Amino acid sequence: MPQSFRVTGGVSLRGRVRPAGNKNAALPLIAATLLGDTPSEIQNVPRIRDVESMLSLVSLLGARVEWTADHTVRVDPAGVSPKQLDPDLCAQLRASILLAGPLLARFHAVTLPPPGGDVIGRRRVDSHFLAFEQLGAEVTIGREFRLEAKALTGADIFLDEPSVTGTENAMMAAVLAKGRTVLRNAASEPHVQDLARGLVQMGAHIEGIGTNHLIIDGVAHLQGARMEVGPDHIEVGSFIGLAAVTDGDITIEGVRLEDLRAMLFHFDRLGVRPTVDGTTLRVAPSQERRIRPDVGGHVPKIEDGPWPAFPADLTSIALVTATQCDGLVLIFEKMFESRLFFVDKLIGMGARIVLCDPHRAVVAGPSKLRASVVESPDIRAGMAILLAALAAEGESIIHNIGQIDRGYERIDERLRALGARIERVDDERTR
């Protein structure tokens, strides 16, 4: 039965929390295990719905999947064959497209149903197929995607956009291609780096990790390896926003500062200034929460972009945080034209927001938020709405929380440990 969150807001959250593993690193690393000749083990894997869907997909392809510890999964690819991928599972998961690169590299052919995922605007797959074609694959696009190659050969590839999954797919195909591949305009997000380091542990030769210029020398085969998923910097940003909007005192353990610099810069602009000591970050109470205008008193903006710019997945969190800060700010979501279409729910809760167009919203704060009955449209907007409910006075109901569960592990339990009044209930609308 579908479930909802019942949230009573107005409580300052306090305590310590550790971010889960980055789901956007776990998913491509699971796909990468199919490239090995022997089993791989991945540590710090979040136990969330998207991960379970990805493991189901590789299991249906013939891999043996076993959870060996709470957050450690072992994948044995020995029995994998290029079977038809389950279209229903693929429709639930954007990351299903990440199986294309490993299956093409290992079996030289794959038929892929269209991927699903969050409805946040058009999400191109062109960069994947353009890269595969340059590596020597023939791509046939119809109701499904058919990729075939007698052999993959290294190439000098300029990606038409720094697509995260496009970079990851090209990288996974190139590690078993003959010769050298150069990926230009490659994505370099922390999860892309985690995948590249995992492939190196499997025996791949990759230079330029962390830059937008990757050099990959193909090898004849890869072996299984022990790999680790890094902390989810998006979850870190979500907890920073959570502490700010509830005037809480939250310490986040196990962070990687190099993943947080753009995020901390933009929170500083909102008057939210965490302190970092090694791998520990603390958001103390009584943050200034005053938006710093640009020189001359002009309205500042928070805009997303490819790494190392502000992450698109934190736009929704920044927007809700801004509703509790004094001043005006422009939120400019450049990458996805539907991500801001949840602001009507915040307006209904009392937020002062003007949606200028699909990409821009002006936020005037602070606003006294009130409880409401709302619905989660996608992972990140769902978490942002949860922040708003925790900041609001009264009891809110959030429906469609399966979306939040796709990206945040046991979020209600972890929030209760910080003092949040939140419970998971059956969705009464389905009774």
Protein backbone atom coordinates (compact mmCIF):
# COMPACT_ATOMS: atom_id res chain seq x y z
CA MET A 1 0.00 0.00 0.00
CA PRO A 2 1.33 3.49 -0.81
CA GLN A 3 2.48 5.43 2.22
CA SER A 4 2.61 9.05 3.35
CA PHE A 5 4.53 11.08 5.91
CA ARG A 6 2.70 12.80 8.75
CA VAL A 7 4.94 15.67 9.87
CA THR A 8 4.50 18.07 12.77
CA GLY A 9 6.81 21.02 12.17
CA GLY A 10 8.20 23.84 14.24
CA VAL A 11 10.81 21.76 16.11
CA SER A 12 14.52 22.62 16.06
CA LEU A 13 16.40 19.48 15.04
CA ARG A 14 19.56 18.57 16.91
CA GLY A 15 22.05 15.75 16.87
CA ARG A 16 24.55 13.91 14.72
CA VAL A 17 23.96 12.21 11.39
CA ARG A 18 26.05 10.45 8.76
CA PRO A 19 25.24 10.78 5.05
CA ALA A 20 24.35 7.64 3.17
CA GLY A 21 26.41 6.47 0.24
CA ASN A 22 25.90 8.43 -2.98
CA LYS A 23 23.21 6.64 -4.98
CA ASN A 24 24.51 8.27 -8.16
CA ALA A 25 27.83 6.52 -7.54
CA ALA A 26 26.34 3.21 -6.41
CA LEU A 27 24.21 2.76 -9.55
CA PRO A 28 27.04 3.02 -12.14
CA LEU A 29 29.35 0.94 -9.93
CA ILE A 30 26.72 -1.83 -9.91
CA ALA A 31 26.61 -1.61 -13.71
CA ALA A 32 30.42 -1.69 -13.87
CA THR A 33 30.58 -5.02 -12.04
CA LEU A 34 29.28 -6.63 -15.25
CA LEU A 35 32.61 -5.77 -16.91
CA GLY A 36 34.63 -8.01 -14.58
CA ASP A 37 35.66 -11.63 -14.99
CA THR A 38 35.26 -12.26 -11.25
CA PRO A 39 32.94 -11.04 -8.47
CA SER A 40 33.08 -7.48 -7.13
CA GLU A 41 32.12 -6.11 -3.74
CA ILE A 42 30.77 -2.59 -3.28
CA GLN A 43 30.76 -1.00 0.16
CA ASN A 44 28.67 1.87 1.58
CA VAL A 45 25.77 1.16 -0.80
CA PRO A 46 22.53 2.93 0.23
CA ARG A 47 19.54 0.61 0.79
CA ILE A 48 17.08 2.58 -1.33
CA ARG A 49 14.54 1.70 -3.99
CA ASP A 50 16.63 2.79 -6.99
CA VAL A 51 19.52 0.58 -5.86
CA GLU A 52 17.20 -2.40 -5.36
CA SER A 53 15.78 -1.85 -8.87
CA MET A 54 19.29 -1.76 -10.38
CA LEU A 55 20.28 -4.94 -8.53
CA SER A 56 17.11 -6.61 -9.81
CA LEU A 57 18.05 -5.67 -13.37
CA VAL A 58 21.55 -7.17 -13.16
CA SER A 59 20.15 -10.22 -11.37
CA LEU A 60 17.67 -10.82 -14.21
CA LEU A 61 20.61 -10.65 -16.62
CA GLY A 62 22.13 -13.63 -14.79
CA ALA A 63 24.37 -12.00 -12.16
CA ARG A 64 24.38 -13.42 -8.65
CA VAL A 65 23.63 -10.64 -6.16
CA GLU A 66 24.14 -10.95 -2.41
CA TRP A 67 24.03 -8.43 0.43
CA THR A 68 27.00 -9.52 2.58
CA ALA A 69 26.49 -6.74 5.17
CA ASP A 70 23.98 -3.95 5.80
CA HIS A 71 25.51 -1.70 3.13
CA THR A 72 27.81 -4.06 1.24
CA VAL A 73 26.72 -5.93 -1.87
CA ARG A 74 28.55 -8.63 -3.83
CA VAL A 75 27.88 -9.08 -7.54
CA ASP A 76 29.14 -12.13 -9.43
CA PRO A 77 28.79 -11.51 -13.21
CA ALA A 78 29.83 -15.02 -14.29
CA GLY A 79 26.36 -16.02 -15.45
CA VAL A 80 25.43 -12.78 -17.22
CA SER A 81 24.12 -13.00 -20.77
CA PRO A 82 22.71 -10.27 -23.02
CA LYS A 83 19.05 -10.99 -22.31
CA GLN A 84 16.19 -8.61 -22.95
CA LEU A 85 16.14 -6.07 -20.13
CA ASP A 86 12.91 -5.85 -18.14
CA PRO A 87 11.03 -2.86 -19.63
CA ASP A 88 8.98 -2.28 -16.47
CA LEU A 89 12.08 -2.05 -14.27
CA CYS A 90 13.84 0.16 -16.82
CA ALA A 91 10.82 2.48 -16.85
CA GLN A 92 11.25 2.99 -13.09
CA LEU A 93 14.91 3.88 -13.25
CA ARG A 94 16.83 6.50 -15.19
CA ALA A 95 20.08 4.67 -14.39
CA SER A 96 19.00 1.58 -16.35
CA ILE A 97 20.68 3.20 -19.35
CA LEU A 98 24.02 2.68 -17.58
CA LEU A 99 23.83 -1.03 -18.45
CA ALA A 100 24.30 -0.15 -22.13
CA GLY A 101 28.05 0.54 -21.90
CA PRO A 102 29.05 -2.61 -19.97
CA LEU A 103 26.83 -4.94 -22.03
CA LEU A 104 28.03 -3.44 -25.31
CA ALA A 105 31.67 -3.76 -24.23
CA ARG A 106 31.30 -7.34 -23.02
CA PHE A 107 28.83 -8.85 -25.49
CA HIS A 108 29.00 -6.38 -28.43
CA ALA A 109 25.23 -6.06 -28.52
CA VAL A 110 22.43 -4.85 -26.27
CA THR A 111 18.75 -4.01 -26.63
CA LEU A 112 17.68 -1.37 -24.14
CA PRO A 113 14.14 -0.24 -23.30
CA PRO A 114 13.78 3.53 -22.77
CA PRO A 115 14.88 4.56 -19.24
CA GLY A 116 12.53 6.17 -16.72
CA GLY A 117 13.31 8.34 -13.70
CA ASP A 118 12.18 11.68 -12.35
CA VAL A 119 9.92 13.84 -14.51
CA ILE A 120 11.94 17.05 -14.23
CA GLY A 121 12.09 17.96 -17.91
CA ARG A 122 13.67 16.57 -21.04
CA ARG A 123 16.66 14.38 -20.26
CA ARG A 124 18.67 13.74 -23.43
CA VAL A 125 20.31 10.44 -24.23
CA ASP A 126 21.95 11.67 -27.45
CA SER A 127 25.41 12.00 -25.89
CA HIS A 128 25.41 8.29 -24.97
CA PHE A 129 24.68 7.13 -28.50
CA LEU A 130 27.00 9.62 -30.19
CA ALA A 131 29.84 8.34 -28.01
CA PHE A 132 28.99 4.69 -28.72
CA GLU A 133 28.93 5.39 -32.47
CA GLN A 134 32.39 6.95 -32.32
CA LEU A 135 33.64 3.84 -30.52
CA GLY A 136 32.37 1.75 -33.43
CA ALA A 137 28.83 0.78 -32.47
CA GLU A 138 25.83 0.85 -34.75
CA VAL A 139 22.84 2.43 -33.05
CA THR A 140 19.25 1.72 -34.07
CA ILE A 141 16.60 3.83 -32.37
CA GLY A 142 12.96 2.78 -32.36
CA ARG A 143 10.62 1.80 -29.56
CA GLU A 144 13.79 0.33 -28.03
CA PHE A 145 17.47 1.13 -28.46
CA ARG A 146 19.58 -1.47 -30.25
CA LEU A 147 23.39 -1.23 -30.04
CA GLU A 148 25.72 -3.55 -31.97
CA ALA A 149 29.48 -3.57 -32.58
CA LYS A 150 31.80 -6.20 -34.04
CA ALA A 151 34.52 -4.53 -32.00
CA LEU A 152 34.94 -1.32 -30.04
CA THR A 153 37.89 0.88 -30.96
CA GLY A 154 39.22 3.85 -29.02
CA ALA A 155 38.38 7.30 -30.37
CA ASP A 156 38.79 10.99 -29.66
CA ILE A 157 35.30 11.93 -28.45
CA PHE A 158 33.90 15.36 -27.72
CA LEU A 159 30.70 14.99 -25.69
CA ASP A 160 28.11 17.50 -26.89
CA GLU A 161 27.22 18.14 -23.23
CA PRO A 162 28.96 17.16 -19.99
CA SER A 163 26.34 14.51 -19.29
CA VAL A 164 27.02 12.52 -16.12
CA THR A 165 25.49 9.26 -17.34
CA GLY A 166 26.76 9.88 -20.88
CA THR A 167 30.31 10.20 -19.54
CA GLU A 168 29.88 7.10 -17.37
CA ASN A 169 28.53 4.99 -20.23
CA ALA A 170 31.28 6.10 -22.61
CA MET A 171 33.91 5.40 -19.95
CA MET A 172 32.58 1.89 -19.24
CA ALA A 173 32.50 1.04 -22.95
CA ALA A 174 35.96 2.51 -23.58
CA VAL A 175 37.80 0.57 -20.86
CA LEU A 176 37.48 -2.63 -22.94
CA ALA A 177 37.87 -0.95 -26.36
CA LYS A 178 41.02 -1.49 -28.39
CA GLY A 179 43.38 1.46 -28.15
CA ARG A 180 43.12 4.90 -26.58
CA THR A 181 39.94 6.88 -25.99
CA VAL A 182 39.97 10.56 -25.15
CA LEU A 183 36.77 11.94 -23.59
CA ARG A 184 36.56 15.72 -23.89
CA ASN A 185 33.93 17.86 -22.14
CA ALA A 186 33.41 14.95 -19.76
CA ALA A 187 31.41 15.28 -16.56
CA SER A 188 33.52 15.26 -13.39
CA GLU A 189 30.99 15.08 -10.53
CA PRO A 190 32.03 13.17 -7.36
CA HIS A 191 30.02 10.13 -8.46
CA VAL A 192 31.75 10.10 -11.87
CA GLN A 193 35.06 10.14 -10.01
CA ASP A 194 33.92 7.25 -7.79
CA LEU A 195 33.09 5.19 -10.89
CA ALA A 196 36.43 5.99 -12.52
CA ARG A 197 38.34 4.99 -9.39
CA GLY A 198 36.29 1.78 -9.18
CA LEU A 199 37.14 0.90 -12.78
CA VAL A 200 40.83 1.53 -12.06
CA GLN A 201 40.60 -0.89 -9.13
CA MET A 202 39.18 -3.43 -11.61
CA GLY A 203 42.25 -2.98 -13.82
CA ALA A 204 41.25 -0.12 -16.16
CA HIS A 205 43.73 2.55 -17.25
CA ILE A 206 42.17 5.99 -16.79
CA GLU A 207 43.94 9.34 -16.50
CA GLY A 208 42.48 12.74 -15.69
CA ILE A 209 40.02 11.62 -12.99
CA GLY A 210 38.31 14.70 -11.56
CA THR A 211 38.79 16.75 -14.75
CA ASN A 212 36.72 17.13 -17.92
CA HIS A 213 39.49 15.51 -20.02
CA LEU A 214 39.71 11.74 -19.55
CA ILE A 215 42.26 9.49 -21.26
CA ILE A 216 41.37 5.79 -21.29
CA ASP A 217 43.67 3.08 -22.60
CA GLY A 218 41.63 -0.03 -23.28
CA VAL A 219 42.54 -3.37 -21.74
CA ALA A 220 41.69 -6.93 -22.74
CA HIS A 221 39.73 -7.73 -19.59
CA LEU A 222 38.87 -6.49 -16.13
CA GLN A 223 38.67 -8.39 -12.87
CA GLY A 224 36.40 -7.95 -9.91
CA ALA A 225 37.44 -5.58 -7.15
CA ARG A 226 36.43 -4.18 -3.78
CA MET A 227 35.03 -0.70 -4.31
CA GLU A 228 33.48 1.93 -2.06
CA VAL A 229 30.72 4.48 -2.63
CA GLY A 230 31.53 7.97 -1.37
CA PRO A 231 29.26 10.03 0.91
CA ASP A 232 26.27 11.60 -0.80
CA HIS A 233 27.05 15.32 -1.04
CA ILE A 234 23.42 16.00 -2.03
CA GLU A 235 22.30 14.43 1.24
CA VAL A 236 24.86 16.58 3.09
CA GLY A 237 23.35 19.67 1.44
CA SER A 238 19.86 18.48 2.38
CA PHE A 239 20.85 18.21 6.05
CA ILE A 240 22.47 21.66 5.95
CA GLY A 241 19.20 23.08 4.63
CA LEU A 242 17.27 21.10 7.23
CA ALA A 243 19.33 22.58 10.08
CA ALA A 244 18.95 26.09 8.65
CA VAL A 245 15.16 26.07 8.20
CA THR A 246 14.50 24.57 11.66
CA ASP A 247 17.17 26.69 13.41
CA GLY A 248 18.71 23.42 14.46
CA ASP A 249 22.13 22.22 15.56
CA ILE A 250 23.18 19.34 13.33
CA THR A 251 26.61 17.74 13.03
CA ILE A 252 27.21 15.74 9.84
CA GLU A 253 29.96 13.13 10.06
CA GLY A 254 31.98 11.51 7.27
CA VAL A 255 31.88 14.33 4.69
CA ARG A 256 34.38 15.02 1.88
CA LEU A 257 35.13 18.75 1.87
CA GLU A 258 36.26 18.69 -1.78
CA ASP A 259 32.70 17.69 -2.74
CA LEU A 260 31.10 20.60 -0.86
CA ARG A 261 32.88 23.80 -1.93
CA ALA A 262 30.29 25.16 -4.40
CA MET A 263 27.48 24.15 -2.05
CA LEU A 264 29.04 25.93 0.94
CA PHE A 265 29.69 29.04 -1.15
CA HIS A 266 26.02 29.33 -2.07
CA PHE A 267 24.72 28.56 1.43
CA ASP A 268 27.01 31.34 2.64
CA ARG A 269 25.19 33.68 0.25
CA LEU A 270 21.97 32.78 2.09
CA GLY A 271 23.56 33.50 5.47
CA VAL A 272 24.01 29.82 6.37
CA ARG A 273 27.63 29.12 7.31
CA PRO A 274 28.55 25.63 8.52
CA THR A 275 31.97 24.93 10.01
CA VAL A 276 34.10 22.03 8.78
CA ASP A 277 36.70 20.20 10.86
CA GLY A 278 38.29 17.42 8.85
CA THR A 279 35.45 15.10 7.86
CA THR A 280 32.93 16.64 10.26
CA LEU A 281 30.58 19.50 9.37
CA ARG A 282 28.42 21.36 11.88
CA VAL A 283 25.50 23.73 11.30
CA ALA A 284 25.21 25.64 14.56
CA PRO A 285 21.95 27.26 15.70
CA SER A 286 21.15 30.96 15.22
CA GLN A 287 22.53 31.19 11.68
CA GLU A 288 22.29 34.71 10.26
CA ARG A 289 19.94 33.59 7.45
CA ARG A 290 20.26 36.93 5.68
CA ILE A 291 20.68 36.89 1.89
CA ARG A 292 23.79 38.81 0.83
CA PRO A 293 22.99 41.07 -2.16
CA ASP A 294 25.39 41.53 -5.04
CA VAL A 295 27.57 44.64 -5.20
CA GLY A 296 25.36 47.68 -5.68
CA GLY A 297 22.43 46.08 -3.85
CA HIS A 298 21.39 43.92 -6.80
CA VAL A 299 19.39 40.72 -6.31
CA PRO A 300 21.82 37.78 -6.14
CA LYS A 301 21.19 34.45 -7.81
CA ILE A 302 21.84 30.82 -7.10
CA GLU A 303 22.28 28.92 -10.35
CA ASP A 304 23.20 25.34 -11.05
CA GLY A 305 25.61 23.99 -13.61
CA PRO A 306 27.97 21.11 -14.42
CA TRP A 307 30.53 20.25 -11.76
CA PRO A 308 32.16 22.03 -9.99
CA ALA A 309 29.23 24.48 -10.10
CA PHE A 310 26.28 24.30 -7.71
CA PRO A 311 24.61 20.87 -8.13
CA ALA A 312 21.25 20.83 -9.92
CA ASP A 313 19.97 18.26 -7.41
CA LEU A 314 20.30 20.86 -4.62
CA THR A 315 18.29 23.59 -6.36
CA SER A 316 15.06 22.56 -4.64
CA ILE A 317 16.76 22.49 -1.21
CA ALA A 318 18.29 25.93 -1.77
CA LEU A 319 14.91 27.33 -2.77
CA VAL A 320 13.19 26.13 0.42
CA THR A 321 16.11 27.33 2.53
CA ALA A 322 15.80 30.78 0.93
CA THR A 323 12.16 31.03 2.06
CA GLN A 324 13.47 31.22 5.65
CA CYS A 325 16.18 33.80 4.93
CA ASP A 326 15.84 37.58 4.99
CA GLY A 327 16.04 39.14 1.53
CA LEU A 328 15.52 38.45 -2.16
CA VAL A 329 17.25 35.83 -4.27
CA LEU A 330 16.81 34.51 -7.81
CA ILE A 331 16.91 30.71 -8.13
CA PHE A 332 18.03 29.89 -11.68
CA GLU A 333 17.59 26.22 -12.61
CA LYS A 334 19.35 26.05 -15.97
CA MET A 335 19.51 22.32 -16.52
CA PHE A 336 15.95 20.97 -16.18
CA GLU A 337 12.86 22.86 -17.29
CA SER A 338 10.39 21.16 -14.96
CA ARG A 339 12.29 20.97 -11.69
CA LEU A 340 10.77 24.19 -10.32
CA PHE A 341 7.19 23.13 -10.99
CA PHE A 342 6.72 22.16 -7.33
CA VAL A 343 6.84 25.76 -6.07
CA ASP A 344 3.04 26.03 -6.19
CA LYS A 345 3.01 23.63 -3.24
CA LEU A 346 5.35 25.92 -1.30
CA ILE A 347 3.26 28.97 -2.21
CA GLY A 348 0.26 27.13 -0.81
CA MET A 349 2.23 26.73 2.44
CA GLY A 350 2.80 30.49 2.64
CA ALA A 351 6.10 30.93 0.82
CA ARG A 352 6.54 34.14 -1.15
CA ILE A 353 7.81 32.93 -4.51
CA VAL A 354 7.30 34.26 -8.03
CA LEU A 355 7.81 31.62 -10.71
CA CYS A 356 9.11 33.73 -13.59
CA ASP A 357 9.36 30.91 -16.15
CA PRO A 358 10.21 27.18 -16.11
CA HIS A 359 13.80 27.94 -15.13
CA ARG A 360 13.66 30.93 -12.75
CA ALA A 361 11.98 31.74 -9.46
CA VAL A 362 12.36 34.79 -7.21
CA VAL A 363 12.14 34.03 -3.48
CA ALA A 364 11.34 36.73 -0.91
CA GLY A 365 11.99 35.71 2.67
CA PRO A 366 11.52 35.07 5.41
CA SER A 367 8.03 33.56 5.15
CA LYS A 368 6.06 31.94 7.94
CA LEU A 369 5.18 28.55 6.52
CA ARG A 370 1.97 26.75 7.44
CA ALA A 371 1.16 23.07 7.38
CA SER A 372 -0.51 21.59 4.31
CA VAL A 373 -1.39 18.40 2.47
CA VAL A 374 1.07 18.06 -0.41
CA GLU A 375 2.48 15.46 -2.80
CA SER A 376 6.07 14.62 -3.68
CA PRO A 377 6.59 14.94 -7.46
CA ASP A 378 10.20 13.67 -7.54
CA ILE A 379 13.10 12.76 -5.26
CA ARG A 380 14.63 16.21 -4.73
CA ALA A 381 11.39 18.21 -4.68
CA GLY A 382 10.01 15.64 -2.25
CA MET A 383 12.90 16.19 0.14
CA ALA A 384 12.53 19.96 -0.24
CA ILE A 385 8.82 19.72 0.64
CA LEU A 386 9.77 17.63 3.66
CA LEU A 387 12.10 20.46 4.79
CA ALA A 388 9.25 22.94 4.38
CA ALA A 389 6.91 20.73 6.43
CA LEU A 390 9.48 20.48 9.24
CA ALA A 391 9.82 24.29 9.25
CA ALA A 392 6.07 24.92 9.18
CA GLU A 393 3.75 25.24 12.14
CA GLY A 394 1.20 22.44 12.44
CA GLU A 395 0.73 19.00 10.91
CA SER A 396 1.44 18.34 7.25
CA ILE A 397 0.74 15.24 5.18
CA ILE A 398 3.13 14.38 2.32
CA HIS A 399 1.82 11.85 -0.19
CA ASN A 400 3.75 9.83 -2.80
CA ILE A 401 6.75 9.43 -0.50
CA GLY A 402 7.95 6.50 -2.58
CA GLN A 403 9.68 9.19 -4.61
CA ILE A 404 11.65 10.32 -1.54
CA ASP A 405 12.46 6.71 -0.66
CA ARG A 406 14.09 6.31 -4.07
CA GLY A 407 16.92 8.62 -3.01
CA TYR A 408 16.99 8.89 0.80
CA GLU A 409 17.51 5.81 2.96
CA ARG A 410 15.15 5.49 5.96
CA ILE A 411 14.86 9.26 6.06
CA ASP A 412 12.00 9.24 8.58
CA GLU A 413 13.97 7.11 11.07
CA ARG A 414 17.06 9.27 10.72
CA LEU A 415 15.06 12.48 11.14
CA ARG A 416 13.35 11.13 14.26
CA ALA A 417 16.83 10.53 15.71
CA LEU A 418 17.35 14.30 15.30
CA GLY A 419 14.12 15.08 17.11
CA ALA A 420 11.75 15.41 14.14
CA ARG A 421 8.11 14.56 14.68
CA ILE A 422 7.52 12.44 11.60
CA GLU A 423 5.78 9.13 11.07
CA ARG A 424 5.13 6.90 8.11
CA VAL A 425 1.44 6.08 7.63
CA ASP A 426 -0.64 4.24 5.06
CA ASP A 427 -1.99 6.57 2.39
CA GLU A 428 -5.64 6.96 3.38
CA ARG A 429 -6.60 7.92 -0.15
CA THR A 430 -6.08 4.30 -1.24
CA ARG A 431 -8.42 2.79 1.36
